[in-house]
Amino acid sequence: MPRYRLTLEYDGTPFLGWQMQAGCPSVQGRLVDAIEKLTGTRPEVRGAGRTDSGVHALGQVAHVDLPKAYPLHVVREALNYHVRPAPIAVLNVEEVPETFDARFSAIKRHYLFRILARRAPPALEKNRVWWVPQALDVERLKAAAPRFLGRHDFTTFRAAGCQAKSPIKTLDRFDVSQVGEEIHIYV
């Protein structure tokens, strides 16, 4: 069975996260449904990570084994058609070796946290930013950022039943910048 690497973009607002859960809308569930419409089978779709409820993705990687080979553009276009109206886009499809695993082949993950620090709540970006209704000291945040760099034990932040091999993670980037009224933290 050929294995395909999918690069996805999605608005996580209507989903209770990446992972399929009975009776709950999920990104993984919508992809499985779309693939079933293309192939007639319900394959396992594995993601590089499992985003939480309401979390968006700009380049989430997943992989899926299909029962037969399809042209890459057919997989991309069919999935984009069948996930509608869900806010999911398949940006790219590549055929990869069966040894590729979206989760375990990942070397790094990147995150962007957007904070809107102003008195007025967001009207247009309410599902895209964390609103803080008072001013934040960006220079103090920048000064504190280097403390987050390096190897750290994230045991406290692990979910019950977490399957990760180790709670030790390395942060090699923690940038803080002011972008208009927003503060961006890039990890």
N, C-alpha and C. Protein backbone atom coordinates (compact mmCIF):
# COMPACT_ATOMS: atom_id res chain seq x y z
N MET A 1 0.85 -1.19 0.00
CA MET A 1 0.00 0.00 0.00
C MET A 1 0.89 1.24 0.00
N PRO A 2 0.63 2.16 -0.90
CA PRO A 2 1.44 3.38 -0.93
C PRO A 2 1.11 4.29 0.26
N ARG A 3 2.16 4.94 0.75
CA ARG A 3 2.00 5.87 1.88
C ARG A 3 2.12 7.30 1.35
N TYR A 4 1.24 8.15 1.84
CA TYR A 4 1.22 9.55 1.43
C TYR A 4 1.43 10.47 2.63
N ARG A 5 2.25 11.47 2.41
CA ARG A 5 2.48 12.52 3.41
C ARG A 5 1.59 13.70 3.03
N LEU A 6 0.77 14.15 3.97
CA LEU A 6 -0.14 15.27 3.73
C LEU A 6 0.33 16.47 4.55
N THR A 7 0.35 17.63 3.93
CA THR A 7 0.61 18.87 4.67
C THR A 7 -0.71 19.62 4.71
N LEU A 8 -1.14 19.93 5.93
CA LEU A 8 -2.49 20.47 6.16
C LEU A 8 -2.46 21.84 6.79
N GLU A 9 -3.52 22.57 6.50
CA GLU A 9 -3.78 23.84 7.18
C GLU A 9 -5.23 23.74 7.66
N TYR A 10 -5.47 24.19 8.89
CA TYR A 10 -6.86 24.17 9.35
C TYR A 10 -7.13 25.19 10.43
N ASP A 11 -8.40 25.57 10.48
CA ASP A 11 -8.93 26.43 11.53
C ASP A 11 -9.52 25.46 12.56
N GLY A 12 -8.93 25.44 13.74
CA GLY A 12 -9.35 24.48 14.75
C GLY A 12 -10.60 24.85 15.53
N THR A 13 -11.19 26.01 15.23
CA THR A 13 -12.34 26.49 16.00
C THR A 13 -13.47 25.47 16.14
N PRO A 14 -13.92 24.82 15.06
CA PRO A 14 -15.07 23.91 15.23
C PRO A 14 -14.71 22.50 15.71
N PHE A 15 -13.42 22.26 15.96
CA PHE A 15 -12.98 20.91 16.31
C PHE A 15 -12.61 20.81 17.79
N LEU A 16 -12.77 19.61 18.32
CA LEU A 16 -12.32 19.35 19.69
C LEU A 16 -10.90 18.80 19.68
N GLY A 17 -10.14 19.19 18.67
CA GLY A 17 -8.75 18.78 18.55
C GLY A 17 -8.51 17.95 17.32
N TRP A 18 -7.28 17.45 17.21
CA TRP A 18 -6.89 16.62 16.08
C TRP A 18 -7.51 15.24 16.17
N GLN A 19 -7.39 14.60 17.32
CA GLN A 19 -7.67 13.18 17.48
C GLN A 19 -9.16 12.84 17.44
N MET A 20 -9.46 11.73 16.73
CA MET A 20 -10.84 11.25 16.66
C MET A 20 -11.32 10.83 18.04
N GLN A 21 -12.55 11.25 18.37
CA GLN A 21 -13.21 10.87 19.60
C GLN A 21 -14.67 10.63 19.23
N ALA A 22 -15.25 9.60 19.80
CA ALA A 22 -16.64 9.24 19.46
C ALA A 22 -17.58 10.42 19.68
N GLY A 23 -18.33 10.75 18.64
CA GLY A 23 -19.34 11.80 18.74
C GLY A 23 -18.82 13.22 18.80
N CYS A 24 -17.51 13.41 18.57
CA CYS A 24 -16.92 14.75 18.65
C CYS A 24 -16.27 15.11 17.32
N PRO A 25 -16.44 16.34 16.87
CA PRO A 25 -15.79 16.74 15.62
C PRO A 25 -14.27 16.86 15.81
N SER A 26 -13.51 16.26 14.89
CA SER A 26 -12.05 16.33 14.96
C SER A 26 -11.48 16.46 13.55
N VAL A 27 -10.28 16.98 13.47
CA VAL A 27 -9.60 17.11 12.18
C VAL A 27 -9.33 15.72 11.61
N GLN A 28 -8.80 14.84 12.42
CA GLN A 28 -8.49 13.48 11.98
C GLN A 28 -9.76 12.78 11.47
N GLY A 29 -10.86 12.95 12.17
CA GLY A 29 -12.11 12.33 11.76
C GLY A 29 -12.60 12.82 10.41
N ARG A 30 -12.50 14.13 10.17
CA ARG A 30 -12.92 14.67 8.87
C ARG A 30 -12.04 14.15 7.75
N LEU A 31 -10.74 14.01 8.01
CA LEU A 31 -9.84 13.47 6.98
C LEU A 31 -10.16 12.01 6.69
N VAL A 32 -10.40 11.22 7.72
CA VAL A 32 -10.76 9.81 7.51
C VAL A 32 -12.04 9.71 6.69
N ASP A 33 -13.03 10.54 7.01
CA ASP A 33 -14.28 10.54 6.24
C ASP A 33 -14.03 10.89 4.78
N ALA A 34 -13.17 11.89 4.54
CA ALA A 34 -12.87 12.31 3.17
C ALA A 34 -12.14 11.22 2.40
N ILE A 35 -11.20 10.55 3.06
CA ILE A 35 -10.45 9.48 2.41
C ILE A 35 -11.37 8.30 2.09
N GLU A 36 -12.31 8.03 2.98
CA GLU A 36 -13.27 6.95 2.73
C GLU A 36 -14.08 7.24 1.46
N LYS A 37 -14.41 8.50 1.24
CA LYS A 37 -15.17 8.84 0.03
C LYS A 37 -14.32 8.65 -1.22
N LEU A 38 -13.01 8.84 -1.10
CA LEU A 38 -12.11 8.64 -2.24
C LEU A 38 -11.85 7.16 -2.49
N THR A 39 -11.60 6.39 -1.43
CA THR A 39 -11.11 5.02 -1.58
C THR A 39 -12.10 3.92 -1.23
N GLY A 40 -13.15 4.26 -0.47
CA GLY A 40 -14.08 3.24 -0.01
C GLY A 40 -13.60 2.51 1.23
N THR A 41 -12.47 2.92 1.78
CA THR A 41 -11.94 2.32 3.02
C THR A 41 -11.73 3.41 4.06
N ARG A 42 -11.70 3.00 5.33
CA ARG A 42 -11.46 3.94 6.43
C ARG A 42 -10.06 3.70 6.99
N PRO A 43 -9.08 4.39 6.46
CA PRO A 43 -7.70 4.15 6.88
C PRO A 43 -7.37 4.88 8.18
N GLU A 44 -6.23 4.53 8.75
CA GLU A 44 -5.70 5.28 9.89
C GLU A 44 -4.94 6.48 9.33
N VAL A 45 -5.23 7.65 9.84
CA VAL A 45 -4.49 8.87 9.47
C VAL A 45 -3.72 9.28 10.72
N ARG A 46 -2.40 9.35 10.60
CA ARG A 46 -1.57 9.71 11.75
C ARG A 46 -1.00 11.10 11.56
N GLY A 47 -1.13 11.91 12.58
CA GLY A 47 -0.61 13.27 12.55
C GLY A 47 0.73 13.39 13.27
N ALA A 48 1.48 14.42 12.91
CA ALA A 48 2.77 14.68 13.57
C ALA A 48 2.56 15.05 15.03
N GLY A 49 1.42 15.60 15.33
CA GLY A 49 1.09 15.97 16.70
C GLY A 49 -0.41 16.06 16.82
N ARG A 50 -0.87 16.15 18.05
CA ARG A 50 -2.31 16.22 18.27
C ARG A 50 -2.64 17.57 18.86
N THR A 51 -3.19 18.44 18.03
CA THR A 51 -3.56 19.76 18.52
C THR A 51 -4.77 19.66 19.43
N ASP A 52 -4.87 20.61 20.34
CA ASP A 52 -5.98 20.66 21.28
C ASP A 52 -7.19 21.34 20.65
N SER A 53 -8.27 21.35 21.37
CA SER A 53 -9.50 21.99 20.94
C SER A 53 -9.24 23.46 20.59
N GLY A 54 -9.70 23.86 19.40
CA GLY A 54 -9.59 25.26 19.00
C GLY A 54 -8.24 25.70 18.49
N VAL A 55 -7.26 24.80 18.43
CA VAL A 55 -5.91 25.16 17.97
C VAL A 55 -5.85 25.02 16.45
N HIS A 56 -5.24 26.01 15.81
CA HIS A 56 -5.14 26.05 14.35
C HIS A 56 -3.79 25.50 13.90
N ALA A 57 -3.69 25.15 12.63
CA ALA A 57 -2.42 24.66 12.07
C ALA A 57 -2.17 25.31 10.72
N LEU A 58 -0.91 25.66 10.50
CA LEU A 58 -0.50 26.23 9.22
C LEU A 58 0.28 25.24 8.38
N GLY A 59 0.77 24.17 8.99
CA GLY A 59 1.57 23.19 8.25
C GLY A 59 1.63 21.86 8.97
N GLN A 60 0.51 21.39 9.47
CA GLN A 60 0.45 20.10 10.17
C GLN A 60 0.74 18.99 9.17
N VAL A 61 1.59 18.06 9.56
CA VAL A 61 1.94 16.92 8.70
C VAL A 61 1.21 15.68 9.21
N ALA A 62 0.69 14.91 8.27
CA ALA A 62 0.04 13.63 8.59
C ALA A 62 0.45 12.63 7.52
N HIS A 63 0.22 11.36 7.80
CA HIS A 63 0.43 10.35 6.75
C HIS A 63 -0.73 9.37 6.75
N VAL A 64 -0.91 8.76 5.59
CA VAL A 64 -1.98 7.78 5.42
C VAL A 64 -1.54 6.75 4.39
N ASP A 65 -1.90 5.50 4.61
CA ASP A 65 -1.67 4.42 3.64
C ASP A 65 -2.97 4.20 2.88
N LEU A 66 -2.88 4.29 1.56
CA LEU A 66 -4.07 4.09 0.72
C LEU A 66 -4.01 2.72 0.06
N PRO A 67 -5.16 2.14 -0.27
CA PRO A 67 -5.18 0.77 -0.81
C PRO A 67 -4.57 0.64 -2.20
N LYS A 68 -4.43 1.75 -2.91
CA LYS A 68 -3.78 1.71 -4.23
C LYS A 68 -3.15 3.07 -4.49
N ALA A 69 -2.32 3.13 -5.52
CA ALA A 69 -1.64 4.38 -5.86
C ALA A 69 -2.60 5.31 -6.60
N TYR A 70 -2.51 6.57 -6.25
CA TYR A 70 -3.28 7.63 -6.92
C TYR A 70 -2.30 8.73 -7.31
N PRO A 71 -2.58 9.44 -8.41
CA PRO A 71 -1.77 10.62 -8.70
C PRO A 71 -1.87 11.61 -7.53
N LEU A 72 -0.78 12.27 -7.23
CA LEU A 72 -0.74 13.17 -6.07
C LEU A 72 -1.81 14.25 -6.14
N HIS A 73 -2.00 14.82 -7.32
CA HIS A 73 -2.99 15.90 -7.45
C HIS A 73 -4.41 15.38 -7.23
N VAL A 74 -4.66 14.12 -7.55
CA VAL A 74 -5.98 13.53 -7.34
C VAL A 74 -6.25 13.40 -5.84
N VAL A 75 -5.25 12.95 -5.09
CA VAL A 75 -5.42 12.83 -3.63
C VAL A 75 -5.70 14.20 -3.04
N ARG A 76 -4.87 15.18 -3.40
CA ARG A 76 -5.04 16.54 -2.85
C ARG A 76 -6.41 17.11 -3.19
N GLU A 77 -6.78 17.07 -4.45
CA GLU A 77 -8.05 17.68 -4.88
C GLU A 77 -9.25 16.93 -4.31
N ALA A 78 -9.18 15.60 -4.27
CA ALA A 78 -10.30 14.82 -3.73
C ALA A 78 -10.49 15.09 -2.24
N LEU A 79 -9.39 15.14 -1.50
CA LEU A 79 -9.52 15.40 -0.07
C LEU A 79 -10.03 16.81 0.18
N ASN A 80 -9.52 17.78 -0.56
CA ASN A 80 -10.01 19.15 -0.39
C ASN A 80 -11.50 19.24 -0.72
N TYR A 81 -11.95 18.49 -1.70
CA TYR A 81 -13.36 18.49 -2.05
C TYR A 81 -14.20 17.83 -0.95
N HIS A 82 -13.75 16.67 -0.47
CA HIS A 82 -14.57 15.88 0.46
C HIS A 82 -14.51 16.36 1.92
N VAL A 83 -13.55 17.19 2.29
CA VAL A 83 -13.55 17.70 3.68
C VAL A 83 -14.51 18.87 3.83
N ARG A 84 -14.95 19.44 2.72
CA ARG A 84 -15.86 20.59 2.79
C ARG A 84 -17.12 20.25 3.55
N PRO A 85 -17.72 21.13 4.28
CA PRO A 85 -17.37 22.54 4.46
C PRO A 85 -16.40 22.79 5.62
N ALA A 86 -15.80 21.73 6.17
CA ALA A 86 -14.87 21.92 7.28
C ALA A 86 -13.70 22.81 6.85
N PRO A 87 -13.21 23.65 7.75
CA PRO A 87 -12.11 24.56 7.42
C PRO A 87 -10.75 23.85 7.46
N ILE A 88 -10.59 22.90 6.55
CA ILE A 88 -9.35 22.13 6.42
C ILE A 88 -8.90 22.25 4.97
N ALA A 89 -7.60 22.45 4.76
CA ALA A 89 -7.05 22.47 3.41
C ALA A 89 -5.85 21.53 3.35
N VAL A 90 -5.84 20.67 2.35
CA VAL A 90 -4.67 19.83 2.08
C VAL A 90 -3.80 20.64 1.13
N LEU A 91 -2.67 21.12 1.64
CA LEU A 91 -1.80 21.99 0.86
C LEU A 91 -0.88 21.23 -0.07
N ASN A 92 -0.43 20.06 0.38
CA ASN A 92 0.54 19.30 -0.40
C ASN A 92 0.39 17.81 -0.11
N VAL A 93 0.66 17.00 -1.11
CA VAL A 93 0.64 15.54 -0.97
C VAL A 93 1.92 15.01 -1.61
N GLU A 94 2.61 14.12 -0.89
CA GLU A 94 3.82 13.48 -1.43
C GLU A 94 3.72 11.99 -1.16
N GLU A 95 4.21 11.18 -2.08
CA GLU A 95 4.34 9.76 -1.79
C GLU A 95 5.66 9.57 -1.05
N VAL A 96 5.63 8.81 0.04
CA VAL A 96 6.81 8.64 0.88
C VAL A 96 7.03 7.15 1.15
N PRO A 97 8.24 6.78 1.58
CA PRO A 97 8.49 5.37 1.92
C PRO A 97 7.64 4.94 3.10
N GLU A 98 7.38 3.64 3.20
CA GLU A 98 6.55 3.14 4.30
C GLU A 98 7.22 3.32 5.65
N THR A 99 8.50 3.63 5.67
CA THR A 99 9.20 3.89 6.94
C THR A 99 8.91 5.29 7.48
N PHE A 100 8.34 6.16 6.64
CA PHE A 100 8.02 7.52 7.10
C PHE A 100 6.83 7.45 8.06
N ASP A 101 6.96 8.15 9.17
CA ASP A 101 5.88 8.25 10.15
C ASP A 101 5.75 9.72 10.52
N ALA A 102 4.58 10.29 10.31
CA ALA A 102 4.39 11.72 10.54
C ALA A 102 4.80 12.13 11.95
N ARG A 103 4.51 11.30 12.92
CA ARG A 103 4.83 11.64 14.30
C ARG A 103 6.29 11.37 14.63
N PHE A 104 6.76 10.17 14.33
CA PHE A 104 8.09 9.78 14.78
C PHE A 104 9.21 10.22 13.83
N SER A 105 8.88 10.61 12.62
CA SER A 105 9.89 11.15 11.72
C SER A 105 10.08 12.65 11.90
N ALA A 106 9.20 13.28 12.66
CA ALA A 106 9.31 14.73 12.88
C ALA A 106 10.56 15.03 13.70
N ILE A 107 11.29 16.04 13.28
CA ILE A 107 12.51 16.45 13.98
C ILE A 107 12.21 17.62 14.91
N LYS A 108 11.40 18.55 14.43
CA LYS A 108 11.06 19.74 15.21
C LYS A 108 9.60 20.08 14.98
N ARG A 109 9.09 20.87 15.90
CA ARG A 109 7.75 21.44 15.76
C ARG A 109 7.88 22.93 16.03
N HIS A 110 7.07 23.71 15.36
CA HIS A 110 7.10 25.16 15.53
C HIS A 110 5.72 25.64 15.96
N TYR A 111 5.71 26.60 16.87
CA TYR A 111 4.45 27.14 17.37
C TYR A 111 4.51 28.66 17.36
N LEU A 112 3.40 29.28 17.03
CA LEU A 112 3.26 30.73 17.11
C LEU A 112 2.10 31.03 18.04
N PHE A 113 2.40 31.80 19.09
CA PHE A 113 1.37 32.23 20.04
C PHE A 113 1.16 33.72 19.82
N ARG A 114 -0.08 34.11 19.59
CA ARG A 114 -0.42 35.52 19.33
C ARG A 114 -1.23 36.05 20.50
N ILE A 115 -0.74 37.14 21.07
CA ILE A 115 -1.40 37.78 22.21
C ILE A 115 -1.83 39.17 21.78
N LEU A 116 -3.09 39.47 21.93
CA LEU A 116 -3.60 40.81 21.65
C LEU A 116 -3.77 41.52 22.98
N ALA A 117 -2.90 42.50 23.23
CA ALA A 117 -2.90 43.22 24.51
C ALA A 117 -3.47 44.62 24.28
N ARG A 118 -4.77 44.71 24.44
CA ARG A 118 -5.45 46.01 24.32
C ARG A 118 -6.76 45.94 25.10
N ARG A 119 -7.31 47.09 25.36
CA ARG A 119 -8.55 47.16 26.15
C ARG A 119 -9.75 46.55 25.40
N ALA A 120 -9.87 46.85 24.11
CA ALA A 120 -11.02 46.36 23.32
C ALA A 120 -10.81 44.90 22.93
N PRO A 121 -11.85 44.08 23.07
CA PRO A 121 -11.72 42.67 22.67
C PRO A 121 -11.63 42.55 21.15
N PRO A 122 -11.06 41.45 20.67
CA PRO A 122 -10.97 41.27 19.22
C PRO A 122 -12.33 40.93 18.63
N ALA A 123 -12.63 41.53 17.51
CA ALA A 123 -13.87 41.21 16.81
C ALA A 123 -13.60 40.24 15.66
N LEU A 124 -12.55 40.50 14.89
CA LEU A 124 -12.26 39.69 13.71
C LEU A 124 -11.30 38.54 13.99
N GLU A 125 -10.46 38.67 14.99
CA GLU A 125 -9.44 37.66 15.27
C GLU A 125 -9.72 36.90 16.56
N LYS A 126 -10.96 36.90 17.03
CA LYS A 126 -11.25 36.34 18.35
C LYS A 126 -10.89 34.87 18.50
N ASN A 127 -10.88 34.12 17.44
CA ASN A 127 -10.50 32.71 17.52
C ASN A 127 -9.05 32.46 17.11
N ARG A 128 -8.29 33.55 16.96
CA ARG A 128 -6.91 33.43 16.49
C ARG A 128 -5.89 34.03 17.45
N VAL A 129 -6.35 34.82 18.41
CA VAL A 129 -5.43 35.46 19.35
C VAL A 129 -5.90 35.22 20.78
N TRP A 130 -4.96 35.33 21.71
CA TRP A 130 -5.31 35.32 23.12
C TRP A 130 -5.42 36.77 23.53
N TRP A 131 -6.58 37.15 24.00
CA TRP A 131 -6.84 38.55 24.35
C TRP A 131 -6.49 38.79 25.81
N VAL A 132 -5.66 39.79 26.03
CA VAL A 132 -5.30 40.25 27.37
C VAL A 132 -5.71 41.72 27.40
N PRO A 133 -6.69 42.10 28.25
CA PRO A 133 -7.24 43.46 28.19
C PRO A 133 -6.40 44.54 28.87
N GLN A 134 -5.13 44.28 29.07
CA GLN A 134 -4.26 45.33 29.61
C GLN A 134 -2.91 45.25 28.90
N ALA A 135 -2.15 46.32 29.00
CA ALA A 135 -0.85 46.38 28.34
C ALA A 135 0.11 45.38 28.97
N LEU A 136 0.96 44.79 28.15
CA LEU A 136 2.01 43.90 28.62
C LEU A 136 3.36 44.54 28.31
N ASP A 137 4.33 44.30 29.15
CA ASP A 137 5.67 44.86 28.97
C ASP A 137 6.46 43.94 28.05
N VAL A 138 6.51 44.27 26.78
CA VAL A 138 7.17 43.44 25.77
C VAL A 138 8.66 43.31 26.06
N GLU A 139 9.27 44.38 26.54
CA GLU A 139 10.71 44.32 26.83
C GLU A 139 11.00 43.32 27.96
N ARG A 140 10.14 43.25 28.95
CA ARG A 140 10.32 42.26 30.02
C ARG A 140 10.12 40.84 29.49
N LEU A 141 9.16 40.67 28.59
CA LEU A 141 8.96 39.36 27.98
C LEU A 141 10.19 38.95 27.17
N LYS A 142 10.74 39.89 26.42
CA LYS A 142 11.95 39.60 25.63
C LYS A 142 13.12 39.25 26.55
N ALA A 143 13.24 39.97 27.66
CA ALA A 143 14.33 39.71 28.60
C ALA A 143 14.19 38.33 29.25
N ALA A 144 12.96 37.88 29.47
CA ALA A 144 12.72 36.58 30.10
C ALA A 144 12.85 35.42 29.11
N ALA A 145 12.70 35.68 27.83
CA ALA A 145 12.66 34.63 26.82
C ALA A 145 13.85 33.67 26.87
N PRO A 146 15.09 34.14 27.04
CA PRO A 146 16.22 33.20 27.05
C PRO A 146 16.14 32.14 28.15
N ARG A 147 15.40 32.41 29.20
CA ARG A 147 15.27 31.42 30.28
C ARG A 147 14.53 30.16 29.83
N PHE A 148 13.75 30.28 28.77
CA PHE A 148 13.00 29.13 28.27
C PHE A 148 13.83 28.25 27.33
N LEU A 149 14.95 28.76 26.85
CA LEU A 149 15.78 28.01 25.92
C LEU A 149 16.47 26.84 26.62
N GLY A 150 16.71 25.77 25.86
CA GLY A 150 17.42 24.62 26.40
C GLY A 150 16.50 23.45 26.70
N ARG A 151 17.04 22.48 27.45
CA ARG A 151 16.30 21.26 27.79
C ARG A 151 15.52 21.46 29.08
N HIS A 152 14.24 21.07 29.04
CA HIS A 152 13.37 21.24 30.20
C HIS A 152 12.47 20.01 30.36
N ASP A 153 12.07 19.77 31.59
CA ASP A 153 11.17 18.67 31.91
C ASP A 153 9.74 19.23 31.93
N PHE A 154 8.90 18.74 31.02
CA PHE A 154 7.53 19.22 30.88
C PHE A 154 6.52 18.24 31.47
N THR A 155 6.94 17.45 32.45
CA THR A 155 6.05 16.47 33.08
C THR A 155 4.74 17.10 33.54
N THR A 156 4.83 18.26 34.13
CA THR A 156 3.66 18.95 34.67
C THR A 156 2.60 19.23 33.60
N PHE A 157 3.02 19.36 32.35
CA PHE A 157 2.11 19.74 31.27
C PHE A 157 1.61 18.54 30.47
N ARG A 158 2.01 17.34 30.84
CA ARG A 158 1.60 16.14 30.09
C ARG A 158 0.17 15.75 30.45
N ALA A 159 -0.54 15.30 29.45
CA ALA A 159 -1.90 14.81 29.67
C ALA A 159 -1.83 13.41 30.28
N ALA A 160 -2.89 13.03 30.97
CA ALA A 160 -2.96 11.67 31.51
C ALA A 160 -2.92 10.71 30.33
N GLY A 161 -2.11 9.68 30.43
CA GLY A 161 -2.00 8.70 29.35
C GLY A 161 -1.15 9.17 28.19
N CYS A 162 -0.35 10.19 28.38
CA CYS A 162 0.53 10.70 27.32
C CYS A 162 1.43 9.57 26.82
N GLN A 163 1.58 9.46 25.50
CA GLN A 163 2.36 8.38 24.91
C GLN A 163 3.78 8.79 24.54
N ALA A 164 4.14 10.04 24.77
CA ALA A 164 5.49 10.49 24.42
C ALA A 164 6.52 9.71 25.23
N LYS A 165 7.65 9.41 24.61
CA LYS A 165 8.69 8.62 25.27
C LYS A 165 9.28 9.35 26.47
N SER A 166 9.37 10.66 26.38
CA SER A 166 10.03 11.42 27.44
C SER A 166 9.38 12.78 27.61
N PRO A 167 9.32 13.27 28.85
CA PRO A 167 8.80 14.62 29.08
C PRO A 167 9.87 15.70 28.86
N ILE A 168 11.09 15.28 28.56
CA ILE A 168 12.19 16.21 28.35
C ILE A 168 12.13 16.72 26.92
N LYS A 169 12.04 18.02 26.78
CA LYS A 169 11.98 18.66 25.46
C LYS A 169 13.02 19.76 25.39
N THR A 170 13.47 20.06 24.19
CA THR A 170 14.46 21.11 23.99
C THR A 170 13.84 22.25 23.20
N LEU A 171 13.92 23.44 23.75
CA LEU A 171 13.48 24.64 23.03
C LEU A 171 14.72 25.34 22.52
N ASP A 172 14.86 25.41 21.19
CA ASP A 172 16.02 26.10 20.64
C ASP A 172 15.67 27.47 20.08
N ARG A 173 14.41 27.82 20.23
CA ARG A 173 13.98 29.16 19.81
C ARG A 173 12.84 29.61 20.71
N PHE A 174 12.91 30.84 21.16
CA PHE A 174 11.83 31.45 21.93
C PHE A 174 11.92 32.95 21.69
N ASP A 175 11.32 33.39 20.60
CA ASP A 175 11.40 34.79 20.18
C ASP A 175 10.12 35.52 20.54
N VAL A 176 10.28 36.74 21.03
CA VAL A 176 9.15 37.60 21.37
C VAL A 176 9.26 38.85 20.51
N SER A 177 8.18 39.21 19.84
CA SER A 177 8.20 40.43 19.03
C SER A 177 6.85 41.15 19.11
N GLN A 178 6.90 42.44 18.90
CA GLN A 178 5.69 43.27 18.86
C GLN A 178 5.32 43.44 17.40
N VAL A 179 4.08 43.12 17.06
CA VAL A 179 3.58 43.28 15.69
C VAL A 179 2.27 44.06 15.81
N GLY A 180 2.35 45.37 15.66
CA GLY A 180 1.18 46.21 15.87
C GLY A 180 0.73 46.10 17.32
N GLU A 181 -0.54 45.79 17.52
CA GLU A 181 -1.07 45.62 18.87
C GLU A 181 -0.84 44.21 19.42
N GLU A 182 -0.28 43.35 18.60
CA GLU A 182 -0.07 41.97 19.02
C GLU A 182 1.35 41.72 19.49
N ILE A 183 1.47 40.76 20.39
CA ILE A 183 2.76 40.23 20.79
C ILE A 183 2.82 38.82 20.23
N HIS A 184 3.87 38.53 19.48
CA HIS A 184 4.04 37.19 18.92
C HIS A 184 5.15 36.47 19.67
N ILE A 185 4.87 35.25 20.06
CA ILE A 185 5.88 34.39 20.67
C ILE A 185 6.04 33.20 19.74
N TYR A 186 7.25 33.05 19.22
CA TYR A 186 7.54 31.98 18.27
C TYR A 186 8.47 30.98 18.94
N VAL A 187 7.99 29.75 19.06
CA VAL A 187 8.75 28.68 19.72
C VAL A 187 9.04 27.60 18.70
